[in-house]
Amino acid sequence: MPNATITELAAAHADGAPVVDVREPMEYVGGHVPGAVLMPMGQLPSRVHELDRNRTTYVICATGNRSQAMADFLRRAGVDARSVDGGTSAWAQSGRPVVTGPRPA
């Protein structure tokens, strides 16, 4: 099961790779990877059609547990998905930018 390190995510992110955050809205608002699209775990199955099957999708949560389960689900659905080791916590701890703000619409 392929995972991605924070360094790998940073490189892919710089190249415009899609990042899906599977946390709950209030977690996302508290801080997320710039440009990450919020798709909480409970919504992901009904939103798979929104993902580009021609690109690797990076799935992120707080620490990597939920993203691993959701990346597994997406791979079974035909999406090239990678869970991000350490999640948003590791991203922030690495000194990379984190966006905070109001609850997304």
Protein backbone atom coordinates (compact mmCIF):
# COMPACT_ATOMS: atom_id res chain seq x y z
CA MET A 1 0.00 0.00 0.00
CA PRO A 2 1.77 3.13 -1.18
CA ASN A 3 2.04 6.00 1.26
CA ALA A 4 3.67 9.38 0.82
CA THR A 5 6.09 11.16 3.10
CA ILE A 6 5.71 14.85 3.87
CA THR A 7 8.64 15.53 1.52
CA GLU A 8 6.93 13.59 -1.29
CA LEU A 9 3.66 15.43 -0.67
CA ALA A 10 5.46 18.79 -0.71
CA ALA A 11 7.01 18.02 -4.10
CA ALA A 12 3.72 16.76 -5.55
CA HIS A 13 1.81 19.69 -4.02
CA ALA A 14 4.23 22.14 -5.66
CA ASP A 15 3.42 20.41 -8.96
CA GLY A 16 -0.33 20.88 -8.42
CA ALA A 17 -1.23 17.38 -7.25
CA PRO A 18 -4.68 17.08 -5.67
CA VAL A 19 -4.80 16.86 -1.87
CA VAL A 20 -7.94 15.54 -0.18
CA ASP A 21 -8.43 16.20 3.55
CA VAL A 22 -10.70 13.55 5.08
CA ARG A 23 -11.08 15.16 8.50
CA GLU A 24 -14.22 16.80 9.82
CA PRO A 25 -14.96 20.43 8.89
CA MET A 26 -13.93 21.93 12.23
CA GLU A 27 -10.58 20.11 12.08
CA TYR A 28 -10.03 21.36 8.54
CA VAL A 29 -10.83 24.94 9.54
CA GLY A 30 -8.31 24.67 12.39
CA GLY A 31 -5.51 24.19 9.87
CA HIS A 32 -5.00 22.41 6.57
CA VAL A 33 -2.57 22.08 3.68
CA PRO A 34 -3.08 25.00 1.28
CA GLY A 35 -5.41 23.98 -1.51
CA ALA A 36 -6.53 20.75 0.18
CA VAL A 37 -10.12 19.87 -0.65
CA LEU A 38 -12.29 18.89 2.31
CA MET A 39 -14.00 15.51 1.81
CA PRO A 40 -14.83 14.10 5.25
CA MET A 41 -14.68 10.31 5.53
CA GLY A 42 -18.46 10.03 5.57
CA GLN A 43 -18.77 11.96 2.30
CA LEU A 44 -15.88 10.45 0.38
CA PRO A 45 -17.73 7.43 -1.07
CA SER A 46 -20.35 9.69 -2.66
CA ARG A 47 -17.71 12.12 -3.96
CA VAL A 48 -15.24 9.74 -5.62
CA HIS A 49 -16.49 10.95 -9.01
CA GLU A 50 -14.95 14.38 -8.25
CA LEU A 51 -11.42 12.96 -8.26
CA ASP A 52 -9.17 12.88 -11.32
CA ARG A 53 -8.33 9.23 -11.96
CA ASN A 54 -5.41 10.30 -14.16
CA ARG A 55 -3.46 11.89 -11.29
CA THR A 56 -2.22 10.65 -7.96
CA THR A 57 -4.42 11.97 -5.15
CA TYR A 58 -2.81 12.61 -1.76
CA VAL A 59 -5.14 11.82 1.12
CA ILE A 60 -4.46 13.53 4.44
CA CYS A 61 -5.99 13.64 7.92
CA ALA A 62 -4.60 14.64 11.31
CA THR A 63 -1.99 11.90 11.79
CA GLY A 64 -2.42 9.34 9.01
CA ASN A 65 -4.90 6.80 10.40
CA ARG A 66 -8.09 7.96 8.68
CA SER A 67 -6.23 8.84 5.50
CA GLN A 68 -4.82 5.31 5.28
CA ALA A 69 -8.31 3.81 5.41
CA MET A 70 -9.64 6.28 2.85
CA ALA A 71 -6.67 5.85 0.50
CA ASP A 72 -7.28 2.09 0.62
CA PHE A 73 -10.94 2.72 -0.24
CA LEU A 74 -10.02 5.03 -3.13
CA ARG A 75 -7.53 2.53 -4.57
CA ARG A 76 -10.27 -0.12 -4.56
CA ALA A 77 -12.43 2.43 -6.44
CA GLY A 78 -9.77 2.85 -9.12
CA VAL A 79 -8.09 6.06 -7.88
CA ASP A 80 -4.31 6.23 -7.52
CA ALA A 81 -4.35 7.41 -3.90
CA ARG A 82 -1.56 7.84 -1.38
CA SER A 83 -2.02 8.31 2.35
CA VAL A 84 0.24 11.00 3.79
CA ASP A 85 2.37 9.65 6.65
CA GLY A 86 1.97 11.78 9.77
CA GLY A 87 -0.88 13.81 8.29
CA THR A 88 -1.46 17.50 8.75
CA SER A 89 0.34 17.38 12.10
CA ALA A 90 3.57 16.30 10.41
CA TRP A 91 3.05 18.83 7.61
CA ALA A 92 2.77 21.67 10.14
CA GLN A 93 5.64 20.36 12.29
CA SER A 94 7.86 20.36 9.19
CA GLY A 95 7.40 24.14 8.96
CA ARG A 96 5.27 24.06 5.84
CA PRO A 97 2.37 26.50 5.49
CA VAL A 98 -1.00 25.76 7.04
CA VAL A 99 -4.20 27.60 6.15
CA THR A 100 -6.82 28.37 8.78
CA GLY A 101 -10.13 30.07 8.36
CA PRO A 102 -13.87 29.99 8.45
CA ARG A 103 -15.79 26.81 7.90
CA PRO A 104 -15.88 25.96 4.19
CA ALA A 105 -19.23 26.29 2.40
